[in-house]
Protein backbone atom coordinates (compact mmCIF):
# COMPACT_ATOMS: atom_id res chain seq x y z
CA UNK A 1 -72.71 24.85 67.52
CA UNK A 2 -75.87 23.36 66.00
CA UNK A 3 -76.33 19.71 67.12
CA UNK A 4 -76.77 17.28 64.23
CA UNK A 5 -77.21 13.49 64.22
CA UNK A 6 -74.41 12.90 61.72
CA UNK A 7 -71.09 11.06 61.65
CA UNK A 8 -68.70 11.82 58.77
CA UNK A 9 -66.31 8.96 57.96
CA UNK A 10 -63.08 9.57 56.02
CA UNK A 11 -60.83 6.57 55.29
CA UNK A 12 -57.31 7.68 54.43
CA UNK A 13 -53.87 6.39 53.50
CA UNK A 14 -50.68 8.46 53.03
CA UNK A 15 -52.33 11.77 52.18
CA UNK A 16 -51.46 13.76 55.29
CA UNK A 17 -51.34 17.24 53.73
CA UNK A 18 -54.55 16.89 51.75
CA UNK A 19 -56.31 15.34 54.74
CA UNK A 20 -55.19 18.28 56.89
CA UNK A 21 -56.78 20.71 54.44
CA UNK A 22 -59.99 18.66 54.31
CA UNK A 23 -60.33 18.39 58.10
CA UNK A 24 -59.71 22.13 58.52
CA UNK A 25 -62.45 22.86 55.95
CA UNK A 26 -64.98 20.61 57.72
CA UNK A 27 -64.24 21.88 61.22
CA UNK A 28 -64.99 25.46 60.17
CA UNK A 29 -68.66 24.43 60.07
CA UNK A 30 -71.03 25.51 62.85
CA UNK A 31 -72.64 22.05 62.94
CA UNK A 32 -71.79 19.69 65.82
CA UNK A 33 -71.27 16.47 63.85
CA UNK A 34 -68.81 13.65 64.59
CA UNK A 35 -65.81 13.34 62.24
CA UNK A 36 -64.11 9.93 62.23
CA UNK A 37 -60.75 9.51 60.45
CA UNK A 38 -59.87 5.87 59.72
CA UNK A 39 -56.14 5.73 59.02
CA UNK A 40 -55.45 2.53 57.08
CA UNK A 41 -51.84 2.20 58.26
CA UNK A 42 -50.37 5.45 56.86
CA UNK A 43 -46.62 6.04 57.11
CA UNK A 44 -46.45 9.73 56.20
CA UNK A 45 -47.29 11.55 59.44
CA UNK A 46 -51.07 11.33 59.10
CA UNK A 47 -51.42 10.63 62.82
CA UNK A 48 -49.52 13.80 63.78
CA UNK A 49 -51.61 15.87 61.36
CA UNK A 50 -54.92 14.63 62.79
CA UNK A 51 -53.81 15.04 66.40
CA UNK A 52 -52.76 18.64 65.70
CA UNK A 53 -56.46 19.60 65.65
CA UNK A 54 -58.00 20.42 69.02
CA UNK A 55 -61.68 19.74 68.37
CA UNK A 56 -64.03 17.45 70.30
CA UNK A 57 -65.83 16.50 67.07
CA UNK A 58 -62.75 14.72 65.72
CA UNK A 59 -62.12 10.99 66.34
CA UNK A 60 -58.99 9.19 65.09
CA UNK A 61 -58.53 5.44 64.62
CA UNK A 62 -55.48 3.82 63.04
CA UNK A 63 -55.07 0.31 61.61
CA UNK A 64 -51.80 -1.49 62.33
CA UNK A 65 -51.48 -2.31 58.61
CA UNK A 66 -53.37 -1.66 55.35
CA UNK A 67 -56.69 -3.52 55.49
CA UNK A 68 -58.42 -1.80 52.58
CA UNK A 69 -61.35 0.41 51.71
CA UNK A 70 -64.26 -1.82 52.79
CA UNK A 71 -62.86 -2.69 56.22
CA UNK A 72 -62.03 0.97 56.88
CA UNK A 73 -65.59 2.06 56.08
CA UNK A 74 -67.14 -0.73 58.16
CA UNK A 75 -64.85 0.17 61.06
CA UNK A 76 -66.00 3.77 60.87
CA UNK A 77 -69.67 2.74 60.84
CA UNK A 78 -69.08 0.52 63.88
CA UNK A 79 -67.35 3.33 65.81
CA UNK A 80 -69.94 6.00 64.90
CA UNK A 81 -72.00 7.47 67.74
CA UNK A 82 -74.66 8.95 65.46
CA UNK A 83 -77.28 7.26 63.28
CA UNK A 84 -76.73 9.14 60.02
CA UNK A 85 -73.49 8.34 58.19
CA UNK A 86 -71.81 10.48 55.55
CA UNK A 87 -68.98 8.78 53.63
CA UNK A 88 -66.25 11.08 52.32
CA UNK A 89 -62.80 10.60 50.83
CA UNK A 90 -59.62 12.36 51.91
CA UNK A 91 -59.46 14.18 48.55
CA UNK A 92 -63.20 14.99 48.38
CA UNK A 93 -64.02 18.46 49.74
CA UNK A 94 -67.55 19.60 50.62
CA UNK A 95 -68.36 22.91 48.94
CA UNK A 96 -70.29 25.43 51.07
CA UNK A 97 -70.50 23.29 54.19
CA UNK A 98 -73.38 25.18 55.82
CA UNK A 99 -75.64 24.83 52.77
CA UNK A 100 -74.53 21.21 52.30
CA UNK A 101 -75.50 20.19 55.85
CA UNK A 102 -78.81 22.10 55.73
CA UNK A 103 -79.74 20.26 52.53
CA UNK A 104 -78.58 16.92 53.92
CA UNK A 105 -80.71 17.41 57.05
CA UNK A 106 -83.81 17.82 54.88
CA UNK A 107 -83.04 14.57 53.02
CA UNK A 108 -82.49 12.36 56.10
CA UNK A 109 -85.40 9.96 56.21
CA UNK A 110 -85.67 6.23 56.91
CA UNK A 111 -84.34 3.79 54.28
CA UNK A 112 -82.65 6.23 51.98
CA UNK A 113 -79.16 6.52 50.50
CA UNK A 114 -78.50 10.19 49.75
CA UNK A 115 -76.31 10.67 46.67
CA UNK A 116 -74.09 13.74 46.27
CA UNK A 117 -72.76 15.42 43.13
CA UNK A 118 -69.01 15.10 42.51
CA UNK A 119 -67.26 17.86 40.58
CA UNK A 120 -64.30 16.46 38.62
CA UNK A 121 -61.86 18.97 37.14
CA UNK A 122 -59.49 18.53 34.23
CA UNK A 123 -61.48 15.96 32.23
CA UNK A 124 -64.60 17.94 31.38
CA UNK A 125 -64.79 17.09 27.66
CA UNK A 126 -64.28 13.36 28.07
CA UNK A 127 -66.60 13.18 31.06
CA UNK A 128 -69.29 15.14 29.22
CA UNK A 129 -69.16 12.76 26.25
CA UNK A 130 -68.95 9.70 28.49
CA UNK A 131 -71.79 11.11 30.60
CA UNK A 132 -74.02 11.26 27.52
CA UNK A 133 -73.10 7.66 26.62
CA UNK A 134 -73.95 6.57 30.15
CA UNK A 135 -77.24 8.43 30.03
CA UNK A 136 -78.36 6.80 26.77
CA UNK A 137 -76.71 3.37 27.08
CA UNK A 138 -75.40 2.48 30.52
CA UNK A 139 -78.32 3.76 32.59
CA UNK A 140 -81.14 1.95 30.75
CA UNK A 141 -79.10 -1.11 29.74
CA UNK A 142 -76.49 -1.77 32.42
CA UNK A 143 -78.42 0.37 34.94
CA UNK A 144 -75.29 2.21 36.02
CA UNK A 145 -74.88 5.86 36.96
CA UNK A 146 -71.88 6.61 39.14
CA UNK A 147 -71.52 10.31 38.44
CA UNK A 148 -75.11 11.61 38.15
CA UNK A 149 -75.45 15.03 36.55
CA UNK A 150 -78.29 17.45 35.96
CA UNK A 151 -80.20 20.02 37.94
CA UNK A 152 -83.01 18.08 39.52
CA UNK A 153 -83.41 15.80 42.50
CA UNK A 154 -84.25 12.26 41.37
CA UNK A 155 -84.15 8.55 42.19
CA UNK A 156 -81.10 6.81 40.68
CA UNK A 157 -80.00 3.13 40.54
CA UNK A 158 -76.42 3.81 41.70
CA UNK A 159 -74.39 6.68 43.13
CA UNK A 160 -70.79 7.65 43.85
CA UNK A 161 -68.87 6.78 47.02
CA UNK A 162 -69.59 10.07 48.83
CA UNK A 163 -73.08 9.26 50.02
CA UNK A 164 -75.11 9.29 53.23
CA UNK A 165 -77.43 6.77 54.91
CA UNK A 166 -78.90 5.82 58.29
CA UNK A 167 -76.94 2.89 59.71
CA UNK A 168 -79.90 1.77 61.85
CA UNK A 169 -82.28 1.70 58.88
CA UNK A 170 -79.83 0.14 56.38
CA UNK A 171 -78.27 -2.90 58.03
CA UNK A 172 -76.09 -4.15 55.16
CA UNK A 173 -72.37 -3.35 55.25
CA UNK A 174 -69.50 -3.26 52.76
CA UNK A 175 -68.10 -6.56 51.44
CA UNK A 176 -64.51 -6.91 52.71
CA UNK A 177 -63.44 -9.89 50.60
CA UNK A 178 -65.12 -10.18 47.18
CA UNK A 179 -64.03 -6.96 45.43
CA UNK A 180 -60.55 -6.42 46.87
CA UNK A 181 -58.71 -3.79 44.81
CA UNK A 182 -61.92 -2.56 43.18
CA UNK A 183 -63.58 0.13 45.31
CA UNK A 184 -66.24 0.71 42.64
CA UNK A 185 -67.36 -2.90 42.90
CA UNK A 186 -67.48 -2.59 46.69
CA UNK A 187 -69.75 0.46 46.48
CA UNK A 188 -72.03 -1.01 43.83
CA UNK A 189 -72.42 -4.26 45.73
CA UNK A 190 -73.34 -2.35 48.90
CA UNK A 191 -75.95 -0.28 47.07
CA UNK A 192 -77.54 -3.31 45.40
CA UNK A 193 -77.90 -5.12 48.73
CA UNK A 194 -79.22 -1.95 50.39
CA UNK A 195 -81.87 -1.65 47.65
CA UNK A 196 -82.85 -5.27 48.25
CA UNK A 197 -83.42 -4.24 51.88
CA UNK A 198 -85.87 -1.63 50.59
CA UNK A 199 -83.58 1.39 50.38
CA UNK A 200 -84.04 4.13 47.79
CA UNK A 201 -81.12 6.12 46.34
CA UNK A 202 -81.96 9.81 46.06
CA UNK A 203 -79.59 12.03 44.08
CA UNK A 204 -79.58 15.69 45.09
CA UNK A 205 -77.44 17.84 42.73
CA UNK A 206 -77.19 20.66 45.30
CA UNK A 207 -75.00 18.46 47.54
CA UNK A 208 -71.76 19.54 45.89
CA UNK A 209 -68.39 17.91 46.54
CA UNK A 210 -65.11 18.86 44.85
CA UNK A 211 -63.23 15.63 44.12
CA UNK A 212 -59.61 16.70 43.68
CA UNK A 213 -58.46 13.17 42.72
CA UNK A 214 -55.03 13.16 44.34
CA UNK A 215 -52.59 11.12 42.24
CA UNK A 216 -50.83 9.28 45.08
CA UNK A 217 -51.86 7.63 48.34
CA UNK A 218 -55.51 7.22 49.18
CA UNK A 219 -57.52 4.35 50.55
CA UNK A 220 -58.51 3.15 47.08
CA UNK A 221 -56.06 1.32 44.83
CA UNK A 222 -55.63 3.53 41.75
CA UNK A 223 -52.00 3.23 40.77
CA UNK A 224 -51.63 -0.53 40.25
CA UNK A 225 -50.86 -1.73 36.71
CA UNK A 226 -53.65 -4.31 36.87
CA UNK A 227 -56.33 -1.96 38.24
CA UNK A 228 -58.39 -1.84 35.01
CA UNK A 229 -57.94 -5.57 34.56
CA UNK A 230 -59.32 -6.23 38.04
CA UNK A 231 -62.18 -3.81 37.36
CA UNK A 232 -63.10 -5.67 34.20
CA UNK A 233 -63.03 -9.16 35.74
CA UNK A 234 -64.78 -8.13 38.96
CA UNK A 235 -67.41 -6.04 37.23
CA UNK A 236 -68.23 -8.66 34.64
CA UNK A 237 -68.82 -11.23 37.36
CA UNK A 238 -70.72 -8.57 39.29
CA UNK A 239 -73.03 -7.73 36.37
CA UNK A 240 -73.53 -11.38 35.47
CA UNK A 241 -74.65 -12.04 39.03
CA UNK A 242 -76.93 -9.02 39.39
CA UNK A 243 -78.16 -8.12 35.90
CA UNK A 244 -78.94 -9.68 32.52
CA UNK A 245 -75.93 -11.29 30.82
CA UNK A 246 -76.13 -9.12 27.68
CA UNK A 247 -75.72 -5.95 29.74
CA UNK A 248 -72.10 -6.96 30.28
CA UNK A 249 -71.18 -6.24 26.67
CA UNK A 250 -72.54 -2.68 26.80
CA UNK A 251 -70.51 -2.16 29.95
CA UNK A 252 -67.33 -3.44 28.29
CA UNK A 253 -67.94 -1.14 25.31
CA UNK A 254 -68.25 1.89 27.60
CA UNK A 255 -65.07 0.99 29.45
CA UNK A 256 -63.13 0.70 26.18
CA UNK A 257 -64.44 4.10 25.08
CA UNK A 258 -63.42 5.57 28.43
CA UNK A 259 -59.89 4.08 28.32
CA UNK A 260 -58.97 3.55 24.64
CA UNK A 261 -55.22 3.31 25.42
CA UNK A 262 -55.86 0.35 27.72
CA UNK A 263 -57.38 -1.96 25.10
CA UNK A 264 -54.79 -4.65 25.83
CA UNK A 265 -56.05 -4.76 29.42
CA UNK A 266 -59.58 -5.44 28.25
CA UNK A 267 -58.45 -8.17 25.86
CA UNK A 268 -56.70 -9.86 28.76
CA UNK A 269 -59.76 -9.50 30.98
CA UNK A 270 -62.16 -10.79 28.32
CA UNK A 271 -59.92 -13.83 27.84
CA UNK A 272 -59.99 -14.49 31.56
CA UNK A 273 -63.79 -14.17 31.62
CA UNK A 274 -64.14 -16.54 28.64
CA UNK A 275 -61.96 -19.16 30.33
CA UNK A 276 -63.94 -18.83 33.56
CA UNK A 277 -67.19 -19.57 31.71
CA UNK A 278 -65.86 -22.23 29.31
């Protein structure tokens, strides 16, 4: 085993089989990292699955009930023995673990958030078109880039959830109350506050992760009817607080283009926003 100052944190909820596959994939690595599983109150046998592995690198912690994404991540950071943190999801699989960890080791340096590249299958055409819209509109105007693409290492304003940072260098933690039900808002808020601390977000496209996007379970809330509505309200308040007001309208436009069948959700959200600022 090659010693490495790294703790991998995976929050999970009711995805026992997929988590089992992910853990098995990670533990095949020759690197001696720490792997912390934060079970957010699962009821599907997740505990039995995790405890079936006999590996000293694996640490399991279970909440008595579902506390949510932010609290799970913060709990993992608090429990971590190592300085460098890598946040993963139960349905996000590192591709070529040995190369991934070698590359990550080279990037570890002071106040830096290291952004990975997520591979999303099944929606290539829409994501390609939306990616171009984000590149030409969202990035310069709303300063958003959640799924960075391309072939070169670069500084970016935002990154996806599967990222790495040094917990001793970046003191800010994830907000457990403001963006409940909106994991994207939680991540963005964390990254903004980390940048205000002096952190830089470095995107390295060679850090590849296959995001399988499991349709049920998971620590994030994806299957609620009002998910998009909450995203709209939370994000509009979020952008109004952190960016210029007119950037909000470009963001709303992009969301409508991304989810044209959910226009009624956006009308409801815009009405709520208008009433809040009347």
